[in-house]
Protein backbone atom coordinates (compact mmCIF):
# COMPACT_ATOMS: atom_id res chain seq x y z
CA MET A 1 -180.23 183.79 -98.04
CA MET A 2 -180.45 187.00 -100.04
CA PRO A 3 -182.43 186.86 -103.30
CA ASN A 4 -180.21 186.14 -106.27
CA PRO A 5 -181.51 186.63 -109.83
CA THR A 6 -179.02 184.18 -111.30
CA THR A 7 -179.99 181.28 -109.05
CA ASP A 8 -183.67 182.21 -109.44
CA LEU A 9 -183.25 181.95 -113.22
CA LEU A 10 -181.49 178.58 -112.99
CA LEU A 11 -184.11 177.17 -110.63
CA SER A 12 -186.94 178.25 -112.95
CA HIS A 13 -185.66 176.28 -115.97
CA ARG A 14 -188.08 174.23 -117.97
CA SER A 15 -187.99 172.87 -121.53
CA VAL A 16 -190.15 174.84 -123.98
CA ARG A 17 -191.55 173.04 -127.02
CA ARG A 18 -194.14 175.57 -128.24
CA TYR A 19 -193.08 178.98 -129.55
CA THR A 20 -194.61 182.11 -131.01
CA ASP A 21 -193.58 183.25 -134.48
CA GLN A 22 -191.69 186.25 -133.04
CA PRO A 23 -188.15 186.40 -134.47
CA LEU A 24 -185.08 187.13 -132.40
CA PRO A 25 -183.98 190.78 -132.41
CA ASP A 26 -180.99 191.61 -134.58
CA GLY A 27 -177.76 190.78 -132.81
CA LEU A 28 -179.29 188.71 -130.00
CA LEU A 29 -178.27 185.33 -131.38
CA GLU A 30 -174.70 186.55 -131.78
CA GLU A 31 -174.77 187.76 -128.17
CA LEU A 32 -175.97 184.35 -127.00
CA ILE A 33 -173.22 182.63 -128.98
CA ALA A 34 -170.66 185.00 -127.44
CA CYS A 35 -171.89 183.92 -124.00
CA GLY A 36 -171.47 180.32 -125.09
CA GLN A 37 -167.89 180.98 -126.13
CA LYS A 38 -167.08 182.16 -122.60
CA ALA A 39 -167.74 178.68 -121.20
CA SER A 40 -164.81 176.80 -119.72
CA THR A 41 -162.89 174.77 -122.29
CA SER A 42 -160.29 172.04 -121.87
CA SER A 43 -156.76 173.37 -122.53
CA ASN A 44 -158.31 176.20 -124.59
CA LEU A 45 -159.00 173.70 -127.39
CA GLN A 46 -162.47 175.23 -127.89
CA ALA A 47 -163.43 171.90 -129.43
CA TYR A 48 -166.92 172.83 -130.58
CA SER A 49 -168.78 174.39 -133.47
CA ILE A 50 -172.35 175.61 -133.79
CA ILE A 51 -174.35 175.30 -136.99
CA HIS A 52 -177.32 177.67 -137.24
CA VAL A 53 -179.78 175.83 -139.46
CA THR A 54 -181.89 178.38 -141.35
CA ASP A 55 -182.74 176.71 -144.67
CA PRO A 56 -186.40 175.52 -144.49
CA ASP A 57 -185.69 172.29 -146.35
CA ARG A 58 -182.78 171.42 -144.07
CA LYS A 59 -184.89 172.20 -140.99
CA ALA A 60 -187.70 169.99 -142.29
CA LYS A 61 -185.22 167.17 -142.85
CA MET A 62 -183.80 167.72 -139.38
CA VAL A 63 -187.29 167.31 -137.92
CA GLU A 64 -187.56 163.98 -139.72
CA LEU A 65 -184.17 162.82 -138.45
CA CYS A 66 -184.91 163.94 -134.87
CA ALA A 67 -188.03 161.89 -134.15
CA ASP A 68 -190.42 164.42 -135.73
CA GLN A 69 -189.90 167.07 -133.05
CA LEU A 70 -191.77 169.99 -134.59
CA GLN A 71 -190.25 172.58 -132.25
CA ILE A 72 -187.17 172.43 -134.49
CA GLU A 73 -189.14 174.17 -137.26
CA GLN A 74 -191.24 176.36 -134.96
CA SER A 75 -188.40 177.87 -132.94
CA ALA A 76 -186.90 181.22 -133.84
CA ALA A 77 -183.45 179.63 -134.07
CA PHE A 78 -182.29 176.04 -134.27
CA LEU A 79 -178.65 175.28 -133.53
CA ALA A 80 -176.78 172.04 -134.06
CA VAL A 81 -174.11 172.05 -131.36
CA CYS A 82 -171.16 169.96 -132.45
CA ALA A 83 -168.09 168.45 -130.86
CA ASP A 84 -165.31 169.61 -133.15
CA LEU A 85 -161.68 168.54 -133.30
CA HIS A 86 -161.43 169.27 -137.03
CA ARG A 87 -160.25 172.82 -136.43
CA ASP A 88 -157.67 171.57 -133.93
CA ARG A 89 -156.55 169.01 -136.51
CA LEU A 90 -155.98 171.85 -138.99
CA ALA A 91 -153.89 173.69 -136.39
CA PHE A 92 -151.95 170.47 -135.76
CA ASP A 93 -151.22 170.06 -139.47
CA MET A 94 -150.09 173.69 -139.79
CA HIS A 95 -147.19 172.93 -137.47
CA ASP A 96 -146.30 169.43 -138.70
CA GLY A 97 -147.24 167.59 -135.52
CA GLU A 98 -146.05 164.01 -135.19
CA ARG A 99 -149.25 162.31 -134.05
CA PHE A 100 -152.84 163.52 -133.70
CA ASP A 101 -154.22 161.58 -130.71
CA ASP A 102 -157.78 161.02 -131.89
CA ALA A 103 -157.78 157.29 -131.14
CA TYR A 104 -158.56 157.71 -127.46
CA ILE A 105 -161.91 158.11 -125.71
CA GLU A 106 -160.42 161.24 -124.11
CA ALA A 107 -160.65 163.03 -127.47
CA VAL A 108 -164.38 162.36 -127.68
CA MET A 109 -164.86 163.32 -124.02
CA ILE A 110 -163.03 166.64 -124.39
CA ALA A 111 -165.02 167.68 -127.44
CA ALA A 112 -168.39 166.49 -126.10
CA VAL A 113 -167.90 168.22 -122.74
CA ASP A 114 -166.76 171.44 -124.42
CA ALA A 115 -169.86 171.39 -126.64
CA ALA A 116 -172.18 170.71 -123.69
CA LEU A 117 -170.73 173.59 -121.65
CA VAL A 118 -171.16 175.98 -124.57
CA MET A 119 -174.75 174.86 -125.07
CA GLN A 120 -175.61 175.35 -121.41
CA ASN A 121 -174.14 178.87 -121.41
CA ILE A 122 -176.19 179.74 -124.51
CA SER A 123 -179.30 178.32 -122.87
CA ILE A 124 -178.90 180.31 -119.65
CA ALA A 125 -178.21 183.50 -121.58
CA ALA A 126 -181.30 182.88 -123.73
CA GLU A 127 -183.52 182.32 -120.70
CA SER A 128 -182.21 185.54 -119.14
CA HIS A 129 -183.71 187.34 -122.15
CA GLY A 130 -187.11 185.73 -121.62
CA LEU A 131 -186.57 183.09 -124.29
CA GLY A 132 -187.36 179.40 -123.98
CA ILE A 133 -185.07 176.58 -125.01
CA CYS A 134 -185.29 172.88 -125.74
CA MET A 135 -182.29 170.62 -126.21
CA ILE A 136 -182.67 167.91 -128.87
CA GLY A 137 -180.71 164.79 -127.99
CA ALA A 138 -182.50 162.99 -130.82
CA ILE A 139 -180.01 164.61 -133.19
CA ARG A 140 -177.91 161.54 -132.33
CA ASN A 141 -180.63 159.14 -133.51
CA ASN A 142 -179.36 159.26 -137.07
CA PRO A 143 -175.77 160.54 -136.83
CA ILE A 144 -174.73 159.50 -140.32
CA GLN A 145 -177.65 161.27 -142.02
CA VAL A 146 -177.25 164.33 -139.78
CA GLY A 147 -173.57 164.45 -140.66
CA GLU A 148 -174.43 164.38 -144.36
CA LEU A 149 -177.16 167.00 -143.97
CA LEU A 150 -174.83 169.41 -142.17
CA GLU A 151 -171.84 168.47 -144.34
CA LEU A 152 -169.70 167.76 -141.31
CA PRO A 153 -165.98 167.23 -142.00
CA ASP A 154 -163.85 164.64 -140.24
CA HIS A 155 -163.53 164.90 -136.46
CA VAL A 156 -166.91 166.62 -136.04
CA PHE A 157 -170.19 165.18 -134.72
CA ALA A 158 -173.46 166.70 -133.54
CA VAL A 159 -173.86 166.41 -129.76
CA SER A 160 -177.29 168.01 -129.46
CA GLY A 161 -179.72 170.32 -131.13
CA LEU A 162 -180.88 173.50 -129.40
CA CYS A 163 -184.19 175.24 -130.07
CA ILE A 164 -184.47 178.89 -129.02
CA GLY A 165 -187.58 181.05 -129.22
CA TYR A 166 -190.26 183.01 -127.40
CA PRO A 167 -192.54 180.68 -125.40
CA ASP A 168 -196.13 180.43 -126.61
CA PRO A 169 -198.30 181.74 -123.73
CA GLU A 170 -201.13 179.51 -124.94
CA HIS A 171 -199.05 176.45 -124.06
CA PRO A 172 -197.34 177.17 -120.72
CA THR A 173 -194.94 174.63 -119.29
CA THR A 174 -194.35 173.63 -115.70
CA ILE A 175 -191.10 173.05 -113.85
CA LYS A 176 -190.59 169.30 -113.55
CA PRO A 177 -189.30 168.07 -110.18
CA ARG A 178 -185.82 166.61 -110.03
CA LEU A 179 -184.31 163.80 -107.99
CA PRO A 180 -183.85 164.61 -104.29
CA GLN A 181 -180.53 166.33 -103.80
CA ALA A 182 -179.53 163.57 -101.38
CA ALA A 183 -179.57 161.16 -104.34
CA ILE A 184 -176.98 163.08 -106.33
CA LEU A 185 -174.87 164.90 -103.69
CA HIS A 186 -172.61 162.33 -102.05
CA ARG A 187 -170.44 163.00 -98.99
CA ASP A 188 -166.86 161.73 -99.22
CA ARG A 189 -167.95 158.44 -100.81
CA TYR A 190 -170.66 157.13 -103.11
CA LEU A 191 -174.03 156.47 -101.46
CA ASN A 192 -174.91 152.83 -100.75
CA ASP A 193 -177.63 151.19 -102.83
CA ASP A 194 -180.14 150.84 -99.98
CA ALA A 195 -180.11 154.58 -99.35
CA MET A 196 -180.26 155.27 -103.09
CA HIS A 197 -183.34 153.08 -103.45
CA VAL A 198 -185.10 155.11 -100.74
CA HIS A 199 -184.40 158.37 -102.58
CA MET A 200 -185.52 156.91 -105.91
CA GLU A 201 -188.78 155.70 -104.39
CA THR A 202 -189.35 159.18 -102.96
CA TYR A 203 -188.84 160.62 -106.42
CA ASP A 204 -191.17 158.05 -107.96
CA GLN A 205 -193.96 159.39 -105.75
CA ALA A 206 -193.04 162.99 -106.60
CA MET A 207 -193.40 162.18 -110.31
CA ILE A 208 -196.75 160.46 -109.74
CA ASP A 209 -197.97 163.57 -107.90
CA PHE A 210 -196.59 165.87 -110.62
CA TYR A 211 -198.35 164.09 -113.48
CA ASN A 212 -201.59 163.87 -111.51
CA GLU A 213 -201.48 167.62 -110.82
CA GLN A 214 -200.91 168.27 -114.53
CA GLY A 215 -203.79 166.00 -115.51
CA MET A 216 -201.28 163.85 -117.39
CA HIS A 217 -202.27 160.37 -116.34
CA ASN A 218 -199.38 158.44 -117.77
CA ARG A 219 -199.66 154.68 -117.70
CA ASP A 220 -196.84 154.52 -115.16
CA PRO A 221 -195.08 157.85 -114.49
CA ARG A 222 -192.65 156.51 -111.90
CA TRP A 223 -189.15 157.70 -112.75
CA THR A 224 -187.57 154.31 -112.10
CA ARG A 225 -190.05 152.64 -114.46
CA VAL A 226 -189.55 155.20 -117.23
CA MET A 227 -185.76 155.12 -116.93
CA SER A 228 -185.65 151.32 -116.95
CA GLY A 229 -187.14 151.51 -120.43
CA ARG A 230 -184.96 154.34 -121.68
CA VAL A 231 -181.61 152.93 -120.64
CA GLY A 232 -182.63 149.73 -122.39
CA ARG A 233 -182.96 151.53 -125.72
CA PHE A 234 -179.44 152.86 -126.22
CA HIS A 235 -179.01 150.18 -128.87
CA GLY A 236 -181.17 152.39 -131.10
CA ARG A 237 -178.17 154.69 -131.45
CA SER A 238 -175.71 151.97 -132.41
CA ASP A 239 -174.82 153.94 -135.55
CA LEU A 240 -173.13 156.56 -133.38
CA ASP A 241 -170.10 154.35 -132.78
CA VAL A 242 -169.83 153.61 -136.50
CA PHE A 243 -170.18 157.30 -137.34
CA LEU A 244 -167.55 158.41 -134.82
CA LYS A 245 -165.05 155.97 -136.28
CA SER A 246 -165.88 157.13 -139.81
CA GLN A 247 -165.22 160.70 -138.65
CA GLY A 248 -161.73 159.79 -137.49
CA PHE A 249 -162.34 159.14 -133.80
CA GLY A 250 -160.98 155.84 -132.53
CA LYS A 251 -158.26 155.33 -135.11
CA GLN A 252 -154.75 156.67 -135.66
CA ASP A 253 -153.15 157.81 -138.89
């Protein structure tokens, strides 16, 4: 195949958690946001908002709420990417709609997917300018406190944080291997479990090799072992359901 700079950029992605103190040039953040706004959106709802957190005290508090991830303060820009149906609710009220259908999981799905697509567009655009990015899913660890910190109105919740900045050359990062494509690309029907186990075991060995090459001798770096722990800790975000309902999702007027 012919070389393609876009696919080369996508295939070189890695999360960056250490940044220099170089600020973004004037106008660049706005350009990145404009790229985000060009992402596909369900029914043109554009059900997202982005909060650029600049106040030092708010950023410090955000670090605390997001599992003490210091890259939030160190990055040149930190964005809270939100699923947002509040603006659509305002449009609904302007025209005296009969029922705002926020009680269905579809409302949450639409807004969350819209926000994720915007964030990915921003990330790719940032990386094309030589910037590094790191998404912060821990913004959902304390959704109630984050909502208060960002003064989120009803029908808005933070999906993820996004750090953007110039990578620190003193702390280079390496591209982490992904699951074999055969584990995620299914042909006509979902792969059977026996075949899936084979692909997962192959990936387990790839992760062992990766951490050994990096000199990072984790206690047990196998992907299946790490994931078995992580998917067993979703209960730590039990407040998210409570917060979504308090924001108006899951109930009808």
